[in-house]
Protein backbone atom coordinates (compact mmCIF):
# COMPACT_ATOMS: atom_id res chain seq x y z
CA MET A 1 63.90 2.60 -26.87
CA LEU A 2 63.14 -0.26 -24.49
CA GLU A 3 62.79 2.13 -21.53
CA PHE A 4 60.27 4.24 -23.42
CA ASP A 5 58.15 1.20 -24.25
CA LEU A 6 58.36 0.05 -20.63
CA PHE A 7 57.22 3.49 -19.43
CA GLU A 8 54.28 3.50 -21.84
CA LEU A 9 53.34 -0.03 -20.80
CA THR A 10 53.50 0.92 -17.12
CA LYS A 11 51.39 4.04 -17.72
CA ALA A 12 48.82 2.03 -19.68
CA THR A 13 48.69 -0.62 -16.94
CA VAL A 14 48.24 1.96 -14.18
CA THR A 15 45.57 3.75 -16.24
CA LEU A 16 43.73 0.47 -16.77
CA LEU A 17 43.89 -0.42 -13.06
CA VAL A 18 42.71 3.01 -11.92
CA GLY A 19 39.94 3.02 -14.53
CA PHE A 20 38.81 -0.46 -13.48
CA THR A 21 38.79 0.68 -9.85
CA ALA A 22 36.72 3.73 -10.83
CA VAL A 23 34.18 1.47 -12.56
CA LEU A 24 34.01 -0.82 -9.50
CA ALA A 25 33.54 2.17 -7.19
CA SER A 26 30.74 3.53 -9.38
CA LEU A 27 29.05 0.13 -9.32
CA GLY A 28 29.40 0.20 -5.53
CA VAL A 29 27.54 3.54 -5.50
CA ILE A 30 24.69 2.08 -7.50
CA LEU A 31 24.41 -1.35 -5.92
CA CYS A 32 25.14 -0.67 -2.24
CA SER A 33 22.14 -0.42 0.06
CA SER A 34 23.72 1.69 2.82
CA PRO A 35 23.84 5.45 2.09
CA ILE A 36 27.07 5.90 4.08
CA TYR A 37 28.83 3.25 2.01
CA CYS A 38 27.39 4.74 -1.19
CA ALA A 39 28.92 8.12 -0.30
CA LEU A 40 32.25 6.46 0.53
CA TYR A 41 32.22 4.60 -2.80
CA LEU A 42 31.52 7.93 -4.51
CA ILE A 43 34.51 9.52 -2.75
CA GLY A 44 36.65 6.59 -3.93
CA HIS A 45 35.35 7.08 -7.48
CA MET A 46 36.21 10.78 -7.41
CA ILE A 47 39.72 9.99 -6.17
CA CYS A 48 40.13 7.55 -9.06
CA LEU A 49 39.00 10.26 -11.47
CA ALA A 50 41.57 12.62 -10.00
CA LEU A 51 44.25 9.97 -10.52
CA LEU A 52 43.17 9.59 -14.13
CA PHE A 53 43.43 13.35 -14.57
CA LEU A 54 46.95 13.19 -13.14
CA LEU A 55 47.91 10.42 -15.53
CA TYR A 56 46.83 12.62 -18.45
CA ASN A 57 48.78 15.68 -17.18
CA ALA A 58 45.77 17.69 -15.98
CA GLU A 59 47.13 18.53 -12.53
CA PHE A 60 44.87 21.52 -11.88
CA ILE A 61 41.70 19.59 -12.64
CA ALA A 62 42.92 16.71 -10.45
CA ALA A 63 43.55 19.09 -7.55
CA VAL A 64 40.13 20.71 -7.97
CA GLN A 65 38.54 17.25 -8.13
CA ILE A 66 40.11 16.27 -4.80
CA ILE A 67 39.67 19.60 -3.00
CA VAL A 68 36.18 20.57 -4.14
CA TYR A 69 34.34 17.35 -4.87
CA ALA A 70 35.96 14.61 -2.79
CA GLY A 71 37.11 16.98 -0.04
CA ALA A 72 34.27 19.40 0.44
CA VAL A 73 31.03 18.31 -1.21
CA MET A 74 31.26 14.61 -0.42
CA ILE A 75 32.35 15.17 3.17
CA LEU A 76 29.35 17.50 3.51
CA PHE A 77 27.15 14.70 2.12
CA LEU A 78 28.65 12.26 4.62
CA PHE A 79 27.91 14.61 7.51
CA ILE A 80 24.35 15.16 6.31
CA ILE A 81 23.78 11.41 5.92
CA ALA A 82 25.23 10.83 9.39
CA LEU A 83 23.03 13.55 10.89
CA LEU A 84 19.90 12.20 9.26
CA GLY A 85 20.74 8.65 10.26
CA GLY A 86 21.24 6.84 6.99
CA LYS A 87 19.23 3.65 7.13
CA LYS A 88 19.84 0.63 4.97
CA GLU A 89 17.44 0.20 2.08
CA VAL A 90 15.49 -2.97 1.61
CA GLN A 91 16.24 -3.98 -1.95
CA GLU A 92 13.34 -5.71 -3.60
CA PRO A 93 13.22 -6.75 -7.24
CA SER A 94 11.39 -4.10 -9.22
CA LEU A 95 11.09 -2.78 -12.75
CA GLU A 96 13.22 0.28 -11.93
CA ARG A 97 16.02 -1.88 -10.54
CA THR A 98 15.93 -4.14 -13.60
CA LEU A 99 16.08 -1.10 -15.89
CA ALA A 100 19.03 0.28 -13.91
CA VAL A 101 20.93 -3.00 -14.24
CA LEU A 102 20.16 -3.08 -17.97
CA PHE A 103 21.39 0.51 -18.31
CA VAL A 104 24.65 -0.28 -16.50
CA ALA A 105 25.14 -3.40 -18.64
CA THR A 106 24.53 -1.36 -21.79
CA MET A 107 27.05 1.28 -20.71
CA LEU A 108 29.66 -1.40 -19.91
CA GLY A 109 29.00 -3.00 -23.30
CA GLU A 110 29.47 0.38 -24.95
CA LEU A 111 32.72 0.84 -23.04
CA PHE A 112 34.05 -2.51 -24.21
CA LEU A 113 32.92 -1.76 -27.77
CA SER A 114 34.69 1.59 -27.77
CA ALA A 115 37.86 -0.08 -26.43
CA THR A 116 37.93 -2.39 -29.45
CA VAL A 117 37.62 0.43 -31.98
CA GLY A 118 41.16 1.69 -31.37
CA SER A 119 42.74 5.04 -30.81
CA THR A 120 41.03 8.24 -31.93
CA LYS A 121 42.57 10.71 -34.34
CA PRO A 122 43.39 14.26 -33.27
CA ILE A 123 41.31 17.20 -34.43
CA GLU A 124 42.59 18.55 -37.71
CA GLY A 125 43.53 22.20 -37.95
CA GLY A 126 45.43 24.66 -35.78
CA PHE A 127 44.44 23.21 -32.42
CA ASP A 128 47.24 22.54 -29.94
CA LEU A 129 47.83 22.68 -26.20
CA GLU A 130 49.62 26.03 -26.30
CA THR A 131 46.60 27.66 -27.95
CA VAL A 132 44.28 26.28 -25.27
CA ALA A 133 46.55 27.60 -22.49
CA GLU A 134 46.68 31.04 -24.12
CA VAL A 135 42.91 31.17 -24.58
CA GLY A 136 42.13 30.33 -20.97
CA GLY A 137 42.96 26.79 -19.95
CA SER A 138 45.47 27.66 -17.25
CA ALA A 139 44.76 27.80 -13.54
CA LYS A 140 45.48 31.53 -13.51
CA ALA A 141 42.99 32.20 -16.31
CA ILE A 142 40.31 30.11 -14.60
CA GLY A 143 40.90 31.88 -11.28
CA LEU A 144 40.78 35.33 -12.86
CA GLU A 145 37.58 34.49 -14.72
CA LEU A 146 35.94 32.95 -11.64
CA PHE A 147 36.84 35.72 -9.20
CA THR A 148 36.24 38.69 -11.51
CA ARG A 149 33.27 38.10 -13.81
CA HIS A 150 31.60 35.31 -11.83
CA LEU A 151 32.34 36.35 -8.25
CA VAL A 152 28.69 36.96 -7.33
CA SER A 153 27.61 33.57 -8.68
CA PHE A 154 30.46 31.87 -6.85
CA GLU A 155 29.58 33.52 -3.54
CA LEU A 156 25.85 32.86 -3.98
CA ALA A 157 26.56 29.16 -4.56
CA SER A 158 28.69 29.00 -1.41
CA VAL A 159 25.98 30.75 0.64
CA LEU A 160 23.37 28.36 -0.77
CA LEU A 161 25.46 25.33 0.29
CA LEU A 162 25.95 26.84 3.75
CA VAL A 163 22.21 27.52 4.20
CA ALA A 164 21.38 24.00 3.03
CA ALA A 165 23.82 22.46 5.51
CA ILE A 166 22.47 24.58 8.39
CA GLY A 167 18.90 23.70 7.40
CA ILE A 168 19.66 19.98 7.40
CA ILE A 169 21.31 20.24 10.81
CA CYS A 170 18.32 22.13 12.22
CA LEU A 171 15.83 19.70 10.74
CA SER A 172 17.65 16.63 11.98
CA LYS A 173 18.69 17.72 15.48
CA PHE A 174 15.92 19.92 16.78
CA SER A 175 12.39 18.64 16.80
CA TYR A 176 9.60 21.16 16.91
CA VAL A 177 7.86 21.16 20.26
CA PRO A 178 5.50 24.03 20.90
CA ALA A 179 6.33 25.99 24.02
CA ARG A 180 3.84 25.83 26.86
CA ARG A 181 2.79 28.94 28.61
CA ARG A 182 3.32 28.99 32.30
CA MET A 183 0.51 30.25 34.37
CA LYS A 184 1.45 31.88 37.66
């Protein structure tokens, strides 16, 4: 019985630490003035989210979070920021910045308020994890659905991302200089 309580305490402590790190990383995204550092904070936040998914036994979602978002999309954002030459913002006090800080403070207050309420009760009725897996919550079901019924949408989204990346590279590297005609 003591080992079980120790395991639960350790899991709760790790969850709290990873969650706190995720909140700090998200604040880094909002408050940092350098776009490169903002993207790196966002990658750190996504890794923390993947760790939280792992702690709650959602291994597939954690793997997708790392591979797709932190691995592909955010690295693409980093390359685009690097190509465009991310310059540091000059942060001046403004109404929008004050509203953003108030919004973040309100969300943190809501988070602390929800932590004091206590644990939530499960949904009543015939809802369990086995039913969700049978209906379509497994990795196999998601893959079959994605690559059968939604294959065209999936491929169109990948082509759109590729065209956007190529467009950014062309816009940032090659300046338009009209060609001169040679007269001989």
